[in-house]
Amino acid sequence: MTTTKLTRKQAKPLLAATFPEYNGRTLAVEFRERLTFYQTYWDGGSKNEYAFVRADGAKASLPSQNPFTTVVEGRQIDMQADVIVAMHTIFCGHDCGVTFYAHPSNFPKWIEGPAT
């Protein structure tokens, strides 16, 4: 599971579909077959927000979570070939960027090339 940096140009369509308000430059993609949701609620100034976009343009996101009612914390999903999961990470109040997760079969289709 290697994480590859993305340029803003490479990530632009995915950002528009998942986190259009994100203005930072820390962008990456990771290709994996399974994904675990973690830190889905605010705790100590840290939180991960998840958004999803399907190849046909359909979008979704996880609802707000708290430690008492969270239903996804620690759950694993099998990555689908037609879905990208975007994770926006805030750690101790610091914006750590957006990471896109996709099934390994999408590498040549959805990513044009490595960031320079």
PDB file of N, CA and C in Angstrom:
ATOM      1  N   MET A   1       0.842  -1.176   0.000  1.00  0.00           N
ATOM      2  CA  MET A   1       0.000   0.000   0.000  1.00  0.00           C
ATOM      3  C   MET A   1       0.891   1.244   0.000  1.00  0.00           C
ATOM      4  N   THR A   2       1.252   1.668  -1.163  1.00  0.00           N
ATOM      5  CA  THR A   2       2.101   2.837  -1.309  1.00  0.00           C
ATOM      6  C   THR A   2       1.238   4.068  -1.525  1.00  0.00           C
ATOM      7  N   THR A   3       1.574   5.127  -0.819  1.00  0.00           N
ATOM      8  CA  THR A   3       0.880   6.390  -0.989  1.00  0.00           C
ATOM      9  C   THR A   3       1.657   7.232  -1.981  1.00  0.00           C
ATOM     10  N   THR A   4       0.960   7.773  -2.977  1.00  0.00           N
ATOM     11  CA  THR A   4       1.574   8.593  -4.014  1.00  0.00           C
ATOM     12  C   THR A   4       1.016  10.005  -3.919  1.00  0.00           C
ATOM     13  N   LYS A   5       1.915  10.992  -3.954  1.00  0.00           N
ATOM     14  CA  LYS A   5       1.471  12.385  -3.934  1.00  0.00           C
ATOM     15  C   LYS A   5       0.784  12.738  -5.244  1.00  0.00           C
ATOM     16  N   LEU A   6      -0.193  13.625  -5.147  1.00  0.00           N
ATOM     17  CA  LEU A   6      -0.907  14.115  -6.318  1.00  0.00           C
ATOM     18  C   LEU A   6      -0.716  15.614  -6.437  1.00  0.00           C
ATOM     19  N   THR A   7      -0.747  16.107  -7.657  1.00  0.00           N
ATOM     20  CA  THR A   7      -0.769  17.546  -7.864  1.00  0.00           C
ATOM     21  C   THR A   7      -2.215  18.010  -7.732  1.00  0.00           C
ATOM     22  N   ARG A   8      -2.396  19.280  -7.536  1.00  0.00           N
ATOM     23  CA  ARG A   8      -3.752  19.837  -7.454  1.00  0.00           C
ATOM     24  C   ARG A   8      -4.504  19.576  -8.765  1.00  0.00           C
ATOM     25  N   LYS A   9      -3.785  19.671  -9.891  1.00  0.00           N
ATOM     26  CA  LYS A   9      -4.400  19.433 -11.200  1.00  0.00           C
ATOM     27  C   LYS A   9      -4.905  17.991 -11.302  1.00  0.00           C
ATOM     28  N   GLN A  10      -4.118  17.025 -10.845  1.00  0.00           N
ATOM     29  CA  GLN A  10      -4.532  15.628 -10.894  1.00  0.00           C
ATOM     30  C   GLN A  10      -5.754  15.382 -10.014  1.00  0.00           C
ATOM     31  N   ALA A  11      -5.802  16.035  -8.861  1.00  0.00           N
ATOM     32  CA  ALA A  11      -6.865  15.785  -7.886  1.00  0.00           C
ATOM     33  C   ALA A  11      -8.094  16.664  -8.085  1.00  0.00           C
ATOM     34  N   LYS A  12      -8.026  17.641  -8.973  1.00  0.00           N
ATOM     35  CA  LYS A  12      -9.105  18.621  -9.108  1.00  0.00           C
ATOM     36  C   LYS A  12     -10.499  18.002  -9.269  1.00  0.00           C
ATOM     37  N   PRO A  13     -10.717  17.059 -10.195  1.00  0.00           N
ATOM     38  CA  PRO A  13     -12.079  16.509 -10.331  1.00  0.00           C
ATOM     39  C   PRO A  13     -12.534  15.731  -9.094  1.00  0.00           C
ATOM     40  N   LEU A  14     -11.606  15.043  -8.445  1.00  0.00           N
ATOM     41  CA  LEU A  14     -11.962  14.295  -7.240  1.00  0.00           C
ATOM     42  C   LEU A  14     -12.260  15.232  -6.078  1.00  0.00           C
ATOM     43  N   LEU A  15     -11.484  16.299  -5.945  1.00  0.00           N
ATOM     44  CA  LEU A  15     -11.750  17.290  -4.893  1.00  0.00           C
ATOM     45  C   LEU A  15     -13.095  17.962  -5.112  1.00  0.00           C
ATOM     46  N   ALA A  16     -13.400  18.295  -6.343  1.00  0.00           N
ATOM     47  CA  ALA A  16     -14.680  18.950  -6.646  1.00  0.00           C
ATOM     48  C   ALA A  16     -15.851  18.067  -6.234  1.00  0.00           C
ATOM     49  N   ALA A  17     -15.684  16.762  -6.328  1.00  0.00           N
ATOM     50  CA  ALA A  17     -16.764  15.831  -6.004  1.00  0.00           C
ATOM     51  C   ALA A  17     -16.826  15.469  -4.525  1.00  0.00           C
ATOM     52  N   THR A  18     -15.719  15.638  -3.782  1.00  0.00           N
ATOM     53  CA  THR A  18     -15.687  15.170  -2.402  1.00  0.00           C
ATOM     54  C   THR A  18     -15.520  16.292  -1.379  1.00  0.00           C
ATOM     55  N   PHE A  19     -14.476  17.092  -1.509  1.00  0.00           N
ATOM     56  CA  PHE A  19     -14.206  18.183  -0.571  1.00  0.00           C
ATOM     57  C   PHE A  19     -13.911  19.467  -1.352  1.00  0.00           C
ATOM     58  N   PRO A  20     -14.935  20.052  -1.986  1.00  0.00           N
ATOM     59  CA  PRO A  20     -14.699  21.229  -2.836  1.00  0.00           C
ATOM     60  C   PRO A  20     -14.167  22.436  -2.072  1.00  0.00           C
ATOM     61  N   GLU A  21     -14.388  22.502  -0.769  1.00  0.00           N
ATOM     62  CA  GLU A  21     -13.921  23.636   0.024  1.00  0.00           C
ATOM     63  C   GLU A  21     -12.443  23.523   0.404  1.00  0.00           C
ATOM     64  N   TYR A  22     -11.814  22.381   0.159  1.00  0.00           N
ATOM     65  CA  TYR A  22     -10.414  22.175   0.541  1.00  0.00           C
ATOM     66  C   TYR A  22      -9.500  23.002  -0.357  1.00  0.00           C
ATOM     67  N   ASN A  23      -8.646  23.814   0.268  1.00  0.00           N
ATOM     68  CA  ASN A  23      -7.741  24.692  -0.473  1.00  0.00           C
ATOM     69  C   ASN A  23      -6.272  24.331  -0.290  1.00  0.00           C
ATOM     70  N   GLY A  24      -5.996  23.297   0.472  1.00  0.00           N
ATOM     71  CA  GLY A  24      -4.610  22.933   0.755  1.00  0.00           C
ATOM     72  C   GLY A  24      -3.919  22.273  -0.416  1.00  0.00           C
ATOM     73  N   ARG A  25      -2.649  21.936  -0.186  1.00  0.00           N
ATOM     74  CA  ARG A  25      -1.842  21.324  -1.236  1.00  0.00           C
ATOM     75  C   ARG A  25      -1.416  19.901  -0.906  1.00  0.00           C
ATOM     76  N   THR A  26      -1.784  19.401   0.259  1.00  0.00           N
ATOM     77  CA  THR A  26      -1.385  18.057   0.648  1.00  0.00           C
ATOM     78  C   THR A  26      -2.428  17.068   0.133  1.00  0.00           C
ATOM     79  N   LEU A  27      -2.082  16.414  -0.959  1.00  0.00           N
ATOM     80  CA  LEU A  27      -3.001  15.494  -1.647  1.00  0.00           C
ATOM     81  C   LEU A  27      -2.254  14.207  -1.981  1.00  0.00           C
ATOM     82  N   ALA A  28      -2.924  13.088  -1.781  1.00  0.00           N
ATOM     83  CA  ALA A  28      -2.291  11.800  -2.058  1.00  0.00           C
ATOM     84  C   ALA A  28      -3.343  10.794  -2.499  1.00  0.00           C
ATOM     85  N   VAL A  29      -2.859   9.717  -3.099  1.00  0.00           N
ATOM     86  CA  VAL A  29      -3.726   8.604  -3.470  1.00  0.00           C
ATOM     87  C   VAL A  29      -3.066   7.317  -2.983  1.00  0.00           C
ATOM     88  N   GLU A  30      -3.909   6.404  -2.527  1.00  0.00           N
ATOM     89  CA  GLU A  30      -3.422   5.097  -2.102  1.00  0.00           C
ATOM     90  C   GLU A  30      -4.362   4.046  -2.662  1.00  0.00           C
ATOM     91  N   PHE A  31      -3.784   3.035  -3.273  1.00  0.00           N
ATOM     92  CA  PHE A  31      -4.580   1.960  -3.866  1.00  0.00           C
ATOM     93  C   PHE A  31      -4.552   0.773  -2.921  1.00  0.00           C
ATOM     94  N   ARG A  32      -5.751   0.327  -2.512  1.00  0.00           N
ATOM     95  CA  ARG A  32      -5.856  -0.795  -1.574  1.00  0.00           C
ATOM     96  C   ARG A  32      -7.149  -1.542  -1.800  1.00  0.00           C
ATOM     97  N   GLU A  33      -7.189  -2.750  -1.305  1.00  0.00           N
ATOM     98  CA  GLU A  33      -8.377  -3.585  -1.478  1.00  0.00           C
ATOM     99  C   GLU A  33      -9.345  -3.474  -0.315  1.00  0.00           C
ATOM    100  N   ARG A  34      -8.860  -3.082   0.877  1.00  0.00           N
ATOM    101  CA  ARG A  34      -9.716  -2.919   2.066  1.00  0.00           C
ATOM    102  C   ARG A  34      -9.366  -1.602   2.744  1.00  0.00           C
ATOM    103  N   LEU A  35     -10.379  -1.005   3.372  1.00  0.00           N
ATOM    104  CA  LEU A  35     -10.183   0.264   4.071  1.00  0.00           C
ATOM    105  C   LEU A  35     -10.896   0.194   5.412  1.00  0.00           C
ATOM    106  N   THR A  36     -10.240   0.696   6.471  1.00  0.00           N
ATOM    107  CA  THR A  36     -10.823   0.759   7.804  1.00  0.00           C
ATOM    108  C   THR A  36     -11.115   2.213   8.141  1.00  0.00           C
ATOM    109  N   PHE A  37     -12.335   2.492   8.590  1.00  0.00           N
ATOM    110  CA  PHE A  37     -12.699   3.843   9.015  1.00  0.00           C
ATOM    111  C   PHE A  37     -12.237   4.044  10.456  1.00  0.00           C
ATOM    112  N   TYR A  38     -11.550   5.145  10.715  1.00  0.00           N
ATOM    113  CA  TYR A  38     -11.087   5.437  12.065  1.00  0.00           C
ATOM    114  C   TYR A  38     -11.121   6.941  12.325  1.00  0.00           C
ATOM    115  N   GLN A  39     -11.143   7.289  13.586  1.00  0.00           N
ATOM    116  CA  GLN A  39     -11.172   8.686  14.042  1.00  0.00           C
ATOM    117  C   GLN A  39     -12.283   9.465  13.325  1.00  0.00           C
ATOM    118  N   THR A  40     -13.499   8.911  13.349  1.00  0.00           N
ATOM    119  CA  THR A  40     -14.621   9.490  12.624  1.00  0.00           C
ATOM    120  C   THR A  40     -15.346  10.575  13.417  1.00  0.00           C
ATOM    121  N   TYR A  41     -14.878  10.890  14.602  1.00  0.00           N
ATOM    122  CA  TYR A  41     -15.473  11.943  15.430  1.00  0.00           C
ATOM    123  C   TYR A  41     -14.348  12.758  16.063  1.00  0.00           C
ATOM    124  N   TRP A  42     -14.668  13.991  16.467  1.00  0.00           N
ATOM    125  CA  TRP A  42     -13.675  14.856  17.085  1.00  0.00           C
ATOM    126  C   TRP A  42     -13.196  14.262  18.397  1.00  0.00           C
ATOM    127  N   ASP A  43     -11.889  14.193  18.570  1.00  0.00           N
ATOM    128  CA  ASP A  43     -11.287  13.714  19.806  1.00  0.00           C
ATOM    129  C   ASP A  43      -9.891  14.312  19.899  1.00  0.00           C
ATOM    130  N   GLY A  44      -9.680  15.197  20.864  1.00  0.00           N
ATOM    131  CA  GLY A  44      -8.366  15.800  21.035  1.00  0.00           C
ATOM    132  C   GLY A  44      -7.943  16.666  19.869  1.00  0.00           C
ATOM    133  N   GLY A  45      -8.891  17.287  19.186  1.00  0.00           N
ATOM    134  CA  GLY A  45      -8.565  18.139  18.042  1.00  0.00           C
ATOM    135  C   GLY A  45      -8.281  17.369  16.771  1.00  0.00           C
ATOM    136  N   SER A  46      -8.629  16.081  16.738  1.00  0.00           N
ATOM    137  CA  SER A  46      -8.360  15.241  15.576  1.00  0.00           C
ATOM    138  C   SER A  46      -9.656  14.620  15.064  1.00  0.00           C
ATOM    139  N   LYS A  47      -9.721  14.490  13.731  1.00  0.00           N
ATOM    140  CA  LYS A  47     -10.894  13.889  13.108  1.00  0.00           C
ATOM    141  C   LYS A  47     -10.582  13.555  11.657  1.00  0.00           C
ATOM    142  N   ASN A  48     -11.175  12.467  11.166  1.00  0.00           N
ATOM    143  CA  ASN A  48     -11.146  12.133   9.740  1.00  0.00           C
ATOM    144  C   ASN A  48     -12.559  12.251   9.200  1.00  0.00           C
ATOM    145  N   GLU A  49     -12.704  12.959   8.093  1.00  0.00           N
ATOM    146  CA  GLU A  49     -13.989  13.028   7.401  1.00  0.00           C
ATOM    147  C   GLU A  49     -13.859  12.201   6.133  1.00  0.00           C
ATOM    148  N   TYR A  50     -14.920  11.454   5.821  1.00  0.00           N
ATOM    149  CA  TYR A  50     -14.910  10.582   4.650  1.00  0.00           C
ATOM    150  C   TYR A  50     -15.996  10.996   3.671  1.00  0.00           C
ATOM    151  N   ALA A  51     -15.643  10.995   2.389  1.00  0.00           N
ATOM    152  CA  ALA A  51     -16.604  11.256   1.325  1.00  0.00           C
ATOM    153  C   ALA A  51     -16.352  10.225   0.227  1.00  0.00           C
ATOM    154  N   PHE A  52     -17.403   9.945  -0.534  1.00  0.00           N
ATOM    155  CA  PHE A  52     -17.338   8.898  -1.541  1.00  0.00           C
ATOM    156  C   PHE A  52     -17.833   9.443  -2.871  1.00  0.00           C
ATOM    157  N   VAL A  53     -17.194   9.000  -3.954  1.00  0.00           N
ATOM    158  CA  VAL A  53     -17.680   9.336  -5.290  1.00  0.00           C
ATOM    159  C   VAL A  53     -17.583   8.074  -6.146  1.00  0.00           C
ATOM    160  N   ARG A  54     -18.659   7.808  -6.858  1.00  0.00           N
ATOM    161  CA  ARG A  54     -18.728   6.641  -7.738  1.00  0.00           C
ATOM    162  C   ARG A  54     -18.395   7.084  -9.158  1.00  0.00           C
ATOM    163  N   ALA A  55     -17.992   6.176  -9.982  1.00  0.00           N
ATOM    164  CA  ALA A  55     -17.605   6.469 -11.367  1.00  0.00           C
ATOM    165  C   ALA A  55     -18.716   7.162 -12.144  1.00  0.00           C
ATOM    166  N   ASP A  56     -19.980   6.899 -11.799  1.00  0.00           N
ATOM    167  CA  ASP A  56     -21.086   7.544 -12.511  1.00  0.00           C
ATOM    168  C   ASP A  56     -21.399   8.936 -11.964  1.00  0.00           C
ATOM    169  N   GLY A  57     -20.606   9.409 -10.994  1.00  0.00           N
ATOM    170  CA  GLY A  57     -20.778  10.762 -10.453  1.00  0.00           C
ATOM    171  C   GLY A  57     -21.578  10.841  -9.172  1.00  0.00           C
ATOM    172  N   ALA A  58     -22.178   9.749  -8.729  1.00  0.00           N
ATOM    173  CA  ALA A  58     -22.943   9.756  -7.479  1.00  0.00           C
ATOM    174  C   ALA A  58     -22.001  10.036  -6.309  1.00  0.00           C
ATOM    175  N   LYS A  59     -22.479  10.834  -5.344  1.00  0.00           N
ATOM    176  CA  LYS A  59     -21.654  11.244  -4.204  1.00  0.00           C
ATOM    177  C   LYS A  59     -22.347  10.872  -2.902  1.00  0.00           C
ATOM    178  N   ALA A  60     -21.535  10.687  -1.866  1.00  0.00           N
ATOM    179  CA  ALA A  60     -22.065  10.414  -0.530  1.00  0.00           C
ATOM    180  C   ALA A  60     -20.989  10.785   0.485  1.00  0.00           C
ATOM    181  N   SER A  61     -21.388  10.926   1.743  1.00  0.00           N
ATOM    182  CA  SER A  61     -20.434  11.162   2.819  1.00  0.00           C
ATOM    183  C   SER A  61     -20.971  10.525   4.087  1.00  0.00           C
ATOM    184  N   LEU A  62     -20.092  10.324   5.052  1.00  0.00           N
ATOM    185  CA  LEU A  62     -20.529   9.776   6.333  1.00  0.00           C
ATOM    186  C   LEU A  62     -21.192  10.885   7.138  1.00  0.00           C
ATOM    187  N   PRO A  63     -22.261  10.576   7.851  1.00  0.00           N
ATOM    188  CA  PRO A  63     -22.879  11.587   8.714  1.00  0.00           C
ATOM    189  C   PRO A  63     -21.967  11.910   9.891  1.00  0.00           C
ATOM    190  N   SER A  64     -22.213  13.038  10.547  1.00  0.00           N
ATOM    191  CA  SER A  64     -21.430  13.406  11.715  1.00  0.00           C
ATOM    192  C   SER A  64     -21.507  12.305  12.758  1.00  0.00           C
ATOM    193  N   GLN A  65     -20.393  12.036  13.389  1.00  0.00           N
ATOM    194  CA  GLN A  65     -20.295  10.965  14.367  1.00  0.00           C
ATOM    195  C   GLN A  65     -19.946  11.547  15.737  1.00  0.00           C
ATOM    196  N   ASN A  66     -20.229  10.806  16.786  1.00  0.00           N
ATOM    197  CA  ASN A  66     -19.720  11.121  18.112  1.00  0.00           C
ATOM    198  C   ASN A  66     -19.368   9.796  18.775  1.00  0.00           C
ATOM    199  N   PRO A  67     -18.581   9.818  19.846  1.00  0.00           N
ATOM    200  CA  PRO A  67     -18.111   8.558  20.414  1.00  0.00           C
ATOM    201  C   PRO A  67     -19.214   7.641  20.931  1.00  0.00           C
ATOM    202  N   PHE A  68     -20.417   8.168  21.160  1.00  0.00           N
ATOM    203  CA  PHE A  68     -21.489   7.366  21.741  1.00  0.00           C
ATOM    204  C   PHE A  68     -22.418   6.755  20.695  1.00  0.00           C
ATOM    205  N   THR A  69     -22.475   7.345  19.513  1.00  0.00           N
ATOM    206  CA  THR A  69     -23.415   6.849  18.507  1.00  0.00           C
ATOM    207  C   THR A  69     -22.737   6.425  17.205  1.00  0.00           C
ATOM    208  N   THR A  70     -21.431   6.401  17.178  1.00  0.00           N
ATOM    209  CA  THR A  70     -20.751   6.046  15.937  1.00  0.00           C
ATOM    210  C   THR A  70     -21.059   4.606  15.536  1.00  0.00           C
ATOM    211  N   VAL A  71     -21.352   4.421  14.273  1.00  0.00           N
ATOM    212  CA  VAL A  71     -21.656   3.084  13.762  1.00  0.00           C
ATOM    213  C   VAL A  71     -20.601   2.601  12.775  1.00  0.00           C
ATOM    214  N   VAL A  72     -19.655   3.463  12.426  1.00  0.00           N
ATOM    215  CA  VAL A  72     -18.668   3.068  11.429  1.00  0.00           C
ATOM    216  C   VAL A  72     -17.254   2.969  11.987  1.00  0.00           C
ATOM    217  N   GLU A  73     -17.008   3.494  13.167  1.00  0.00           N
ATOM    218  CA  GLU A  73     -15.662   3.484  13.736  1.00  0.00           C
ATOM    219  C   GLU A  73     -15.122   2.053  13.779  1.00  0.00           C
ATOM    220  N   GLY A  74     -13.963   1.849  13.163  1.00  0.00           N
ATOM    221  CA  GLY A  74     -13.322   0.547  13.162  1.00  0.00           C
ATOM    222  C   GLY A  74     -13.848  -0.439  12.127  1.00  0.00           C
ATOM    223  N   ARG A  75     -14.850  -0.055  11.387  1.00  0.00           N
ATOM    224  CA  ARG A  75     -15.397  -0.966  10.360  1.00  0.00           C
ATOM    225  C   ARG A  75     -14.499  -0.995   9.138  1.00  0.00           C
ATOM    226  N   GLN A  76     -14.439  -2.144   8.525  1.00  0.00           N
ATOM    227  CA  GLN A  76     -13.677  -2.319   7.291  1.00  0.00           C
ATOM    228  C   GLN A  76     -14.630  -2.514   6.132  1.00  0.00           C
ATOM    229  N   ILE A  77     -14.216  -1.989   4.986  1.00  0.00           N
ATOM    230  CA  ILE A  77     -14.991  -2.208   3.765  1.00  0.00           C
ATOM    231  C   ILE A  77     -14.059  -2.752   2.689  1.00  0.00           C
ATOM    232  N   ASP A  78     -14.627  -3.508   1.779  1.00  0.00           N
ATOM    233  CA  ASP A  78     -13.898  -3.921   0.590  1.00  0.00           C
ATOM    234  C   ASP A  78     -14.043  -2.801  -0.417  1.00  0.00           C
ATOM    235  N   MET A  79     -12.929  -2.353  -0.972  1.00  0.00           N
ATOM    236  CA  MET A  79     -12.971  -1.286  -1.962  1.00  0.00           C
ATOM    237  C   MET A  79     -13.593  -1.819  -3.241  1.00  0.00           C
ATOM    238  N   GLN A  80     -14.495  -1.038  -3.814  1.00  0.00           N
ATOM    239  CA  GLN A  80     -15.143  -1.383  -5.073  1.00  0.00           C
ATOM    240  C   GLN A  80     -14.403  -0.689  -6.216  1.00  0.00           C
ATOM    241  N   ALA A  81     -14.357  -1.323  -7.356  1.00  0.00           N
ATOM    242  CA  ALA A  81     -13.619  -0.776  -8.491  1.00  0.00           C
ATOM    243  C   ALA A  81     -14.201   0.540  -8.992  1.00  0.00           C
ATOM    244  N   ASP A  82     -15.492   0.798  -8.747  1.00  0.00           N
ATOM    245  CA  ASP A  82     -16.106   2.023  -9.273  1.00  0.00           C
ATOM    246  C   ASP A  82     -16.291   3.118  -8.220  1.00  0.00           C
ATOM    247  N   VAL A  83     -15.618   3.003  -7.073  1.00  0.00           N
ATOM    248  CA  VAL A  83     -15.778   3.987  -5.993  1.00  0.00           C
ATOM    249  C   VAL A  83     -14.414   4.465  -5.510  1.00  0.00           C
ATOM    250  N   ILE A  84     -14.315   5.775  -5.280  1.00  0.00           N
ATOM    251  CA  ILE A  84     -13.149   6.354  -4.624  1.00  0.00           C
ATOM    252  C   ILE A  84     -13.617   6.899  -3.283  1.00  0.00           C
ATOM    253  N   VAL A  85     -12.842   6.621  -2.240  1.00  0.00           N
ATOM    254  CA  VAL A  85     -13.107   7.144  -0.907  1.00  0.00           C
ATOM    255  C   VAL A  85     -12.076   8.235  -0.634  1.00  0.00           C
ATOM    256  N   ALA A  86     -12.555   9.406  -0.233  1.00  0.00           N
ATOM    257  CA  ALA A  86     -11.669  10.514   0.106  1.00  0.00           C
ATOM    258  C   ALA A  86     -11.688  10.701   1.617  1.00  0.00           C
ATOM    259  N   MET A  87     -10.506  10.889   2.212  1.00  0.00           N
ATOM    260  CA  MET A  87     -10.399  11.096   3.652  1.00  0.00           C
ATOM    261  C   MET A  87      -9.667  12.415   3.904  1.00  0.00           C
ATOM    262  N   HIS A  88     -10.358  13.354   4.554  1.00  0.00           N
ATOM    263  CA  HIS A  88      -9.753  14.627   4.939  1.00  0.00           C
ATOM    264  C   HIS A  88      -9.362  14.515   6.404  1.00  0.00           C
ATOM    265  N   THR A  89      -8.079  14.682   6.708  1.00  0.00           N
ATOM    266  CA  THR A  89      -7.555  14.461   8.049  1.00  0.00           C
ATOM    267  C   THR A  89      -7.185  15.768   8.737  1.00  0.00           C
ATOM    268  N   ILE A  90      -7.698  15.924   9.948  1.00  0.00           N
ATOM    269  CA  ILE A  90      -7.275  16.990  10.857  1.00  0.00           C
ATOM    270  C   ILE A  90      -6.647  16.264  12.041  1.00  0.00           C
ATOM    271  N   PHE A  91      -5.385  16.569  12.356  1.00  0.00           N
ATOM    272  CA  PHE A  91      -4.704  15.919  13.468  1.00  0.00           C
ATOM    273  C   PHE A  91      -4.203  16.980  14.437  1.00  0.00           C
ATOM    274  N   CYS A  92      -4.692  16.921  15.657  1.00  0.00           N
ATOM    275  CA  CYS A  92      -4.338  17.898  16.697  1.00  0.00           C
ATOM    276  C   CYS A  92      -4.525  19.329  16.187  1.00  0.00           C
ATOM    277  N   GLY A  93      -5.607  19.556  15.463  1.00  0.00           N
ATOM    278  CA  GLY A  93      -5.927  20.883  14.953  1.00  0.00           C
ATOM    279  C   GLY A  93      -5.190  21.277  13.688  1.00  0.00           C
ATOM    280  N   HIS A  94      -4.321  20.440  13.184  1.00  0.00           N
ATOM    281  CA  HIS A  94      -3.527  20.734  11.979  1.00  0.00           C
ATOM    282  C   HIS A  94      -4.109  19.987  10.789  1.00  0.00           C
ATOM    283  N   ASP A  95      -4.357  20.701   9.696  1.00  0.00           N
ATOM    284  CA  ASP A  95      -4.893  20.091   8.483  1.00  0.00           C
ATOM    285  C   ASP A  95      -3.793  19.260   7.815  1.00  0.00           C
ATOM    286  N   CYS A  96      -3.998  17.973   7.726  1.00  0.00           N
ATOM    287  CA  CYS A  96      -3.004  17.060   7.151  1.00  0.00           C
ATOM    288  C   CYS A  96      -3.310  16.672   5.715  1.00  0.00           C
ATOM    289  N   GLY A  97      -4.365  17.235   5.133  1.00  0.00           N
ATOM    290  CA  GLY A  97      -4.638  17.003   3.727  1.00  0.00           C
ATOM    291  C   GLY A  97      -5.708  15.971   3.450  1.00  0.00           C
ATOM    292  N   VAL A  98      -5.829  15.655   2.159  1.00  0.00           N
ATOM    293  CA  VAL A  98      -6.841  14.712   1.675  1.00  0.00           C
ATOM    294  C   VAL A  98      -6.123  13.542   1.010  1.00  0.00           C
ATOM    295  N   THR A  99      -6.536  12.347   1.404  1.00  0.00           N
ATOM    296  CA  THR A  99      -6.024  11.129   0.777  1.00  0.00           C
ATOM    297  C   THR A  99      -7.190  10.439   0.078  1.00  0.00           C
ATOM    298  N   PHE A 100      -6.971  10.055  -1.172  1.00  0.00           N
ATOM    299  CA  PHE A 100      -7.973   9.332  -1.943  1.00  0.00           C
ATOM    300  C   PHE A 100      -7.602   7.853  -1.935  1.00  0.00           C
ATOM    301  N   TYR A 101      -8.579   7.010  -1.641  1.00  0.00           N
ATOM    302  CA  TYR A 101      -8.375   5.563  -1.646  1.00  0.00           C
ATOM    303  C   TYR A 101      -9.167   4.976  -2.802  1.00  0.00           C
ATOM    304  N   ALA A 102      -8.506   4.114  -3.569  1.00  0.00           N
ATOM    305  CA  ALA A 102      -9.155   3.479  -4.718  1.00  0.00           C
ATOM    306  C   ALA A 102      -8.694   2.033  -4.813  1.00  0.00           C
ATOM    307  N   HIS A 103      -9.501   1.227  -5.488  1.00  0.00           N
ATOM    308  CA  HIS A 103      -9.149  -0.168  -5.730  1.00  0.00           C
ATOM    309  C   HIS A 103      -7.927  -0.204  -6.655  1.00  0.00           C
ATOM    310  N   PRO A 104      -6.995  -1.129  -6.441  1.00  0.00           N
ATOM    311  CA  PRO A 104      -5.785  -1.193  -7.275  1.00  0.00           C
ATOM    312  C   PRO A 104      -6.050  -1.294  -8.775  1.00  0.00           C
ATOM    313  N   SER A 105      -7.184  -1.820  -9.168  1.00  0.00           N
ATOM    314  CA  SER A 105      -7.479  -1.939 -10.602  1.00  0.00           C
ATOM    315  C   SER A 105      -7.682  -0.583 -11.266  1.00  0.00           C
ATOM    316  N   ASN A 106      -7.852   0.473 -10.483  1.00  0.00           N
ATOM    317  CA  ASN A 106      -8.090   1.804 -11.033  1.00  0.00           C
ATOM    318  C   ASN A 106      -6.828   2.614 -11.275  1.00  0.00           C
ATOM    319  N   PHE A 107      -5.690   2.099 -10.908  1.00  0.00           N
ATOM    320  CA  PHE A 107      -4.470   2.896 -11.027  1.00  0.00           C
ATOM    321  C   PHE A 107      -4.277   3.506 -12.415  1.00  0.00           C
ATOM    322  N   PRO A 108      -4.301   2.728 -13.485  1.00  0.00           N
ATOM    323  CA  PRO A 108      -4.057   3.349 -14.788  1.00  0.00           C
ATOM    324  C   PRO A 108      -5.213   4.221 -15.285  1.00  0.00           C
ATOM    325  N   LYS A 109      -6.432   3.968 -14.810  1.00  0.00           N
ATOM    326  CA  LYS A 109      -7.590   4.692 -15.319  1.00  0.00           C
ATOM    327  C   LYS A 109      -7.782   6.064 -14.674  1.00  0.00           C
ATOM    328  N   TRP A 110      -7.589   6.150 -13.368  1.00  0.00           N
ATOM    329  CA  TRP A 110      -8.009   7.346 -12.651  1.00  0.00           C
ATOM    330  C   TRP A 110      -6.869   8.276 -12.285  1.00  0.00           C
ATOM    331  N   ILE A 111      -5.651   7.809 -12.427  1.00  0.00           N
ATOM    332  CA  ILE A 111      -4.505   8.651 -12.100  1.00  0.00           C
ATOM    333  C   ILE A 111      -3.635   8.760 -13.338  1.00  0.00           C
ATOM    334  N   GLU A 112      -3.407   9.973 -13.774  1.00  0.00           N
ATOM    335  CA  GLU A 112      -2.685  10.192 -15.028  1.00  0.00           C
ATOM    336  C   GLU A 112      -1.202   9.920 -14.914  1.00  0.00           C
ATOM    337  N   GLY A 113      -0.641  10.131 -13.776  1.00  0.00           N
ATOM    338  CA  GLY A 113       0.791   9.914 -13.598  1.00  0.00           C
ATOM    339  C   GLY A 113       1.245  10.469 -12.275  1.00  0.00           C
ATOM    340  N   PRO A 114       2.463  10.161 -11.857  1.00  0.00           N
ATOM    341  CA  PRO A 114       2.943  10.633 -10.562  1.00  0.00           C
ATOM    342  C   PRO A 114       3.142  12.149 -10.551  1.00  0.00           C
ATOM    343  N   ALA A 115       3.003  12.722  -9.369  1.00  0.00           N
ATOM    344  CA  ALA A 115       3.234  14.156  -9.203  1.00  0.00           C
ATOM    345  C   ALA A 115       4.727  14.434  -9.389  1.00  0.00           C
ATOM    346  N   THR A 116       5.025  15.594  -9.927  1.00  0.00           N
ATOM    347  CA  THR A 116       6.436  15.955 -10.110  1.00  0.00           C
ATOM    348  C   THR A 116       6.825  17.070  -9.185  1.00  0.00           C
TER     349      THR A 116
END
